[in-house]
């Protein structure tokens, strides 16, 4: 078990790094967020993940708990971050059972414009509001005891809004708001010891996001990843490493920052890393058919 889990985090990080800390994660049953939480648990943290699907959330919590013997990983389902009362109840249950909240990760996504904005942006705000008293308490404990970390939040964002991207207006709009929210939190709560940062992953192997936004043909041929400056898609371990960096002593003086982990893809055109052969503006003028296995959120217009 240890050898399999250790693949999720670099050997640069020492076991026990997060002993005595608790991470609270919304959307923790997703591929990327669960890998981030599992890495923190492997390095000593206890965790609480929340999600809407009860069965999936409980199953993922059990899987994450296998990262370290005697770890405590709480899974709370039926939690919609748009519902502040249910979210507050989950936060209080986490604190009651695990003792504190030192780190918060907010990472969610779905389809349809209003749902994405509500869940990603409003959900992020609700999460900050519900957990901030505990993050402030954690920051105070860290200051009074000389601990290197405590009172930190990471938002999971994207890079679509940097340049714009066809068919991703819903995600781009929501994530732009998330980045702005994180910056405001950094300024408002920095004087009280809380740090707020963003991780923006690019295409990551083995994730639902990459499967939705790229065709199987482009992934299997390698054409999609060849367009990325580093010539490949990212790994879950690399996202987990970014998380450990920001939550550990190494991130003590980092706040208000957006850490992009995408191999440099965002500096190129918005279609980079997606399906091979797609060109602009043909892809948006209807002159080029999108691969059927790409999910854009759009539906074809009926021919009259």
Protein backbone atom coordinates (compact mmCIF):
# COMPACT_ATOMS: atom_id res chain seq x y z
CA UNK A 1 0.00 0.00 0.00
CA UNK A 2 2.73 2.48 0.96
CA UNK A 3 4.56 2.12 -2.35
CA UNK A 4 1.36 2.72 -4.34
CA UNK A 5 0.36 5.78 -2.32
CA UNK A 6 3.86 7.26 -2.29
CA UNK A 7 3.58 7.64 -6.06
CA UNK A 8 1.16 10.47 -5.38
CA UNK A 9 3.81 12.67 -3.77
CA UNK A 10 7.49 13.34 -4.45
CA UNK A 11 10.21 11.86 -2.27
CA UNK A 12 11.21 15.43 -1.42
CA UNK A 13 8.48 15.53 1.23
CA UNK A 14 9.05 13.90 4.62
CA UNK A 15 6.52 11.58 6.23
CA UNK A 16 4.99 13.21 9.29
CA UNK A 17 5.16 16.63 7.65
CA UNK A 18 1.49 17.27 8.45
CA UNK A 19 1.17 15.38 11.74
CA UNK A 20 -1.55 16.84 13.93
CA UNK A 21 -3.27 18.82 11.18
CA UNK A 22 -6.71 18.50 9.59
CA UNK A 23 -7.69 19.26 5.98
CA UNK A 24 -11.27 20.02 4.92
CA UNK A 25 -11.99 19.49 1.22
CA UNK A 26 -15.11 20.12 -0.83
CA UNK A 27 -15.37 18.00 -3.95
CA UNK A 28 -12.95 15.57 -2.33
CA UNK A 29 -14.33 12.58 -4.21
CA UNK A 30 -13.07 13.93 -7.53
CA UNK A 31 -9.90 12.61 -9.16
CA UNK A 32 -7.63 15.62 -8.57
CA UNK A 33 -8.90 16.65 -5.14
CA UNK A 34 -8.83 13.10 -3.79
CA UNK A 35 -5.21 12.76 -4.92
CA UNK A 36 -4.35 16.01 -3.14
CA UNK A 37 -6.05 14.87 0.07
CA UNK A 38 -4.49 11.42 -0.12
CA UNK A 39 -1.02 12.97 -0.36
CA UNK A 40 -1.67 15.12 2.72
CA UNK A 41 -2.99 12.11 4.65
CA UNK A 42 0.04 10.08 3.58
CA UNK A 43 2.22 12.85 5.06
CA UNK A 44 0.38 12.85 8.39
CA UNK A 45 -2.82 14.89 8.11
CA UNK A 46 -6.33 13.76 8.99
CA UNK A 47 -9.05 14.77 6.58
CA UNK A 48 -12.72 15.47 5.98
CA UNK A 49 -14.08 15.35 2.45
CA UNK A 50 -17.59 16.44 1.51
CA UNK A 51 -19.65 15.89 -1.62
CA UNK A 52 -23.18 15.59 -2.93
CA UNK A 53 -23.09 11.86 -3.64
CA UNK A 54 -23.23 10.00 -0.32
CA UNK A 55 -22.02 6.61 -1.55
CA UNK A 56 -19.20 8.01 -3.67
CA UNK A 57 -18.00 10.31 -0.88
CA UNK A 58 -17.94 7.54 1.74
CA UNK A 59 -16.17 5.17 -0.63
CA UNK A 60 -13.52 7.77 -1.47
CA UNK A 61 -12.98 8.57 2.23
CA UNK A 62 -12.32 4.89 2.87
CA UNK A 63 -9.88 4.76 -0.04
CA UNK A 64 -8.01 7.86 1.16
CA UNK A 65 -7.73 6.46 4.69
CA UNK A 66 -5.60 3.64 3.30
CA UNK A 67 -2.82 6.14 2.61
CA UNK A 68 -1.61 5.91 6.21
CA UNK A 69 -2.25 3.43 9.01
CA UNK A 70 -4.48 4.81 11.80
CA UNK A 71 -5.42 7.88 9.77
CA UNK A 72 -8.79 9.51 10.37
CA UNK A 73 -10.66 10.38 7.19
CA UNK A 74 -14.24 11.53 7.46
CA UNK A 75 -16.58 11.43 4.46
CA UNK A 76 -19.77 13.51 4.59
CA UNK A 77 -22.21 13.13 1.72
CA UNK A 78 -25.36 15.00 0.77
CA UNK A 79 -23.49 18.30 1.02
CA UNK A 80 -24.20 20.88 -1.66
CA UNK A 81 -21.88 23.86 -1.25
CA UNK A 82 -24.65 26.11 -2.56
CA UNK A 83 -26.52 25.29 0.67
CA UNK A 84 -24.72 27.23 3.38
CA UNK A 85 -26.63 25.55 6.22
CA UNK A 86 -25.64 22.05 5.10
CA UNK A 87 -22.07 23.17 4.53
CA UNK A 88 -21.86 24.79 7.98
CA UNK A 89 -23.17 21.58 9.53
CA UNK A 90 -20.47 19.56 7.73
CA UNK A 91 -17.77 21.96 8.97
CA UNK A 92 -18.98 21.64 12.55
CA UNK A 93 -19.14 17.85 12.27
CA UNK A 94 -15.57 17.84 10.98
CA UNK A 95 -14.34 19.95 13.90
CA UNK A 96 -16.32 17.89 16.43
CA UNK A 97 -14.85 14.61 15.21
CA UNK A 98 -11.35 15.63 14.11
CA UNK A 99 -10.70 18.55 16.45
CA UNK A 100 -9.87 21.43 14.09
CA UNK A 101 -9.53 22.63 10.51
CA UNK A 102 -6.05 23.78 9.52
CA UNK A 103 -6.25 23.57 5.73
CA UNK A 104 -9.13 24.05 3.32
CA UNK A 105 -9.34 23.01 -0.33
CA UNK A 106 -12.20 24.09 -2.55
CA UNK A 107 -12.41 22.23 -5.82
CA UNK A 108 -15.61 21.57 -7.75
CA UNK A 109 -16.92 21.60 -11.27
CA UNK A 110 -19.97 20.53 -13.21
CA UNK A 111 -21.84 21.34 -16.43
CA UNK A 112 -24.25 24.15 -17.41
CA UNK A 113 -23.43 27.83 -16.97
CA UNK A 114 -25.47 28.71 -13.88
CA UNK A 115 -24.56 25.47 -12.09
CA UNK A 116 -20.85 26.00 -12.67
CA UNK A 117 -20.94 29.60 -11.43
CA UNK A 118 -23.10 28.69 -8.44
CA UNK A 119 -21.03 25.68 -7.40
CA UNK A 120 -17.53 26.93 -8.19
CA UNK A 121 -17.86 30.60 -7.23
CA UNK A 122 -20.73 30.76 -4.75
CA UNK A 123 -19.62 27.41 -3.32
CA UNK A 124 -16.11 28.76 -2.82
CA UNK A 125 -17.47 31.81 -1.00
CA UNK A 126 -19.69 29.64 1.20
CA UNK A 127 -16.73 27.39 2.02
CA UNK A 128 -14.57 30.36 3.01
CA UNK A 129 -17.33 31.77 5.18
CA UNK A 130 -18.01 28.43 6.90
CA UNK A 131 -14.38 27.51 7.58
CA UNK A 132 -12.75 30.90 8.22
CA UNK A 133 -13.31 30.90 12.01
CA UNK A 134 -11.44 27.60 12.20
CA UNK A 135 -8.69 28.77 9.85
CA UNK A 136 -8.19 31.85 12.02
CA UNK A 137 -7.97 29.62 15.10
CA UNK A 138 -5.43 27.42 13.30
CA UNK A 139 -3.35 30.44 12.28
CA UNK A 140 -3.36 31.66 15.88
CA UNK A 141 -2.23 28.26 17.14
CA UNK A 142 0.57 28.22 14.58
CA UNK A 143 1.75 31.66 15.65
CA UNK A 144 1.60 30.96 19.38
CA UNK A 145 3.30 27.55 19.20
CA UNK A 146 5.82 28.32 16.47
CA UNK A 147 4.37 25.74 14.08
CA UNK A 148 5.38 26.30 10.46
CA UNK A 149 1.89 26.11 8.96
CA UNK A 150 -1.79 26.54 9.72
CA UNK A 151 -4.73 28.60 8.53
CA UNK A 152 -4.36 28.04 4.80
CA UNK A 153 -6.78 27.71 1.94
CA UNK A 154 -6.29 26.55 -1.63
CA UNK A 155 -8.82 27.06 -4.41
CA UNK A 156 -8.71 24.80 -7.45
CA UNK A 157 -9.10 26.88 -10.59
CA UNK A 158 -8.30 26.67 -14.31
CA UNK A 159 -6.53 28.70 -16.98
CA UNK A 160 -9.31 29.13 -19.54
CA UNK A 161 -10.01 32.73 -18.54
CA UNK A 162 -6.43 33.90 -19.13
CA UNK A 163 -6.86 33.96 -22.90
CA UNK A 164 -10.44 32.81 -23.45
CA UNK A 165 -11.40 29.41 -24.83
CA UNK A 166 -14.15 28.32 -27.20
CA UNK A 167 -17.08 26.53 -25.53
CA UNK A 168 -15.71 27.07 -22.02
CA UNK A 169 -17.37 30.38 -21.11
CA UNK A 170 -19.07 28.76 -18.09
CA UNK A 171 -15.85 27.47 -16.54
CA UNK A 172 -13.82 30.55 -17.50
CA UNK A 173 -16.34 32.90 -15.91
CA UNK A 174 -16.60 30.91 -12.70
CA UNK A 175 -12.86 30.39 -12.28
CA UNK A 176 -12.08 34.06 -12.95
CA UNK A 177 -14.32 34.81 -10.00
CA UNK A 178 -12.60 32.17 -7.88
CA UNK A 179 -9.20 33.73 -8.59
CA UNK A 180 -10.54 37.16 -7.61
CA UNK A 181 -12.09 35.74 -4.43
CA UNK A 182 -8.79 34.14 -3.42
CA UNK A 183 -6.95 37.43 -3.92
CA UNK A 184 -9.45 39.27 -1.74
CA UNK A 185 -9.22 36.62 0.99
CA UNK A 186 -5.42 36.92 0.91
CA UNK A 187 -5.62 40.68 1.48
CA UNK A 188 -8.38 40.65 4.08
CA UNK A 189 -7.09 37.78 6.23
CA UNK A 190 -3.33 37.95 5.62
CA UNK A 191 -2.80 40.30 8.58
CA UNK A 192 -4.38 37.62 10.78
CA UNK A 193 -2.09 34.87 9.52
CA UNK A 194 -4.28 33.12 6.93
CA UNK A 195 -2.89 32.47 3.45
CA UNK A 196 -5.05 32.08 0.35
CA UNK A 197 -3.76 30.70 -2.93
CA UNK A 198 -4.94 29.08 -6.14
CA UNK A 199 -3.74 25.99 -7.97
CA UNK A 200 -4.67 25.92 -11.65
CA UNK A 201 -4.01 22.50 -13.18
CA UNK A 202 -3.73 21.90 -16.89
CA UNK A 203 -4.50 18.59 -18.55
CA UNK A 204 -3.80 15.81 -16.03
CA UNK A 205 -3.55 12.15 -17.01
CA UNK A 206 -6.31 9.92 -15.70
CA UNK A 207 -8.78 12.67 -14.81
CA UNK A 208 -12.38 13.22 -15.84
CA UNK A 209 -11.51 16.74 -16.98
CA UNK A 210 -8.97 15.58 -19.55
CA UNK A 211 -11.36 12.95 -20.86
CA UNK A 212 -14.14 15.51 -21.25
CA UNK A 213 -12.03 18.16 -22.96
CA UNK A 214 -9.93 16.04 -25.31
CA UNK A 215 -10.74 13.26 -27.72
CA UNK A 216 -9.53 9.74 -27.19
CA UNK A 217 -7.83 9.88 -30.58
CA UNK A 218 -5.70 12.89 -29.63
CA UNK A 219 -4.70 11.29 -26.32
CA UNK A 220 -3.78 7.96 -27.84
CA UNK A 221 -1.83 9.50 -30.72
CA UNK A 222 -0.01 11.89 -28.40
CA UNK A 223 -0.86 14.82 -30.66
CA UNK A 224 -2.71 16.70 -27.92
CA UNK A 225 0.15 16.54 -25.42
CA UNK A 226 2.78 17.34 -28.06
CA UNK A 227 1.31 20.84 -28.33
CA UNK A 228 2.17 21.51 -24.67
CA UNK A 229 5.60 23.17 -24.17
CA UNK A 230 6.80 20.36 -21.89
CA UNK A 231 5.45 17.81 -24.35
CA UNK A 232 3.18 15.82 -22.04
CA UNK A 233 0.15 15.92 -19.79
CA UNK A 234 0.60 16.38 -16.05
CA UNK A 235 0.29 13.77 -13.31
CA UNK A 236 -1.79 13.69 -10.15
CA UNK A 237 1.45 13.58 -8.17
CA UNK A 238 2.52 16.93 -9.60
CA UNK A 239 -0.75 18.55 -8.46
CA UNK A 240 -0.31 16.94 -5.04
CA UNK A 241 3.26 18.31 -4.83
CA UNK A 242 1.97 21.82 -5.50
CA UNK A 243 -0.54 21.34 -2.71
CA UNK A 244 2.09 20.16 -0.23
CA UNK A 245 4.31 23.11 -1.17
CA UNK A 246 1.58 25.65 -0.37
CA UNK A 247 0.36 23.95 2.82
CA UNK A 248 3.78 23.19 4.32
CA UNK A 249 6.53 25.45 5.67
CA UNK A 250 7.73 26.10 2.11
CA UNK A 251 4.56 28.12 1.46
CA UNK A 252 4.71 30.24 4.60
CA UNK A 253 5.36 33.49 2.71
CA UNK A 254 3.17 32.77 -0.31
CA UNK A 255 -0.32 34.26 -0.46
CA UNK A 256 -2.54 35.79 -3.12
CA UNK A 257 -0.73 33.64 -5.67
CA UNK A 258 -2.02 31.60 -8.61
CA UNK A 259 0.19 28.54 -9.10
CA UNK A 260 -0.30 27.20 -12.62
CA UNK A 261 0.69 23.55 -13.08
CA UNK A 262 0.13 22.92 -16.77
CA UNK A 263 3.50 22.49 -18.47
CA UNK A 264 3.30 26.00 -19.94
CA UNK A 265 0.18 25.27 -22.00
CA UNK A 266 -1.67 28.41 -20.93
CA UNK A 267 0.83 30.61 -22.74
CA UNK A 268 -0.29 29.17 -26.06
CA UNK A 269 -3.66 29.22 -27.81
CA UNK A 270 -6.76 28.08 -25.93
CA UNK A 271 -7.12 24.85 -27.93
CA UNK A 272 -3.69 23.53 -26.95
CA UNK A 273 -3.83 20.13 -25.26
CA UNK A 274 -7.20 19.30 -26.70
CA UNK A 275 -8.02 17.41 -29.87
CA UNK A 276 -5.53 17.26 -32.68
CA UNK A 277 -6.65 18.88 -35.89
CA UNK A 278 -8.99 21.46 -34.33
CA UNK A 279 -8.33 24.90 -35.74
CA UNK A 280 -9.65 28.38 -35.05
CA UNK A 281 -11.98 29.89 -36.25
CA UNK A 282 -13.25 26.84 -38.12
CA UNK A 283 -14.11 25.05 -34.88
CA UNK A 284 -16.50 27.82 -33.82
CA UNK A 285 -17.92 28.67 -37.24
CA UNK A 286 -19.31 25.19 -37.68
CA UNK A 287 -16.89 24.46 -40.51
CA UNK A 288 -15.13 21.79 -38.50
CA UNK A 289 -16.86 18.98 -36.64
CA UNK A 290 -15.76 18.48 -33.05
CA UNK A 291 -14.93 14.90 -32.04
CA UNK A 292 -18.05 13.32 -30.54
CA UNK A 293 -16.30 12.40 -27.27
CA UNK A 294 -15.48 16.02 -26.37
CA UNK A 295 -17.97 17.58 -23.95
CA UNK A 296 -18.34 21.30 -24.54
CA UNK A 297 -21.66 21.82 -22.79
CA UNK A 298 -23.17 22.94 -26.10
CA UNK A 299 -25.84 21.10 -28.03
CA UNK A 300 -25.98 21.04 -31.83
CA UNK A 301 -28.53 23.38 -33.34
CA UNK A 302 -31.32 21.64 -35.24
CA UNK A 303 -31.30 22.12 -38.99
CA UNK A 304 -34.49 23.88 -40.16
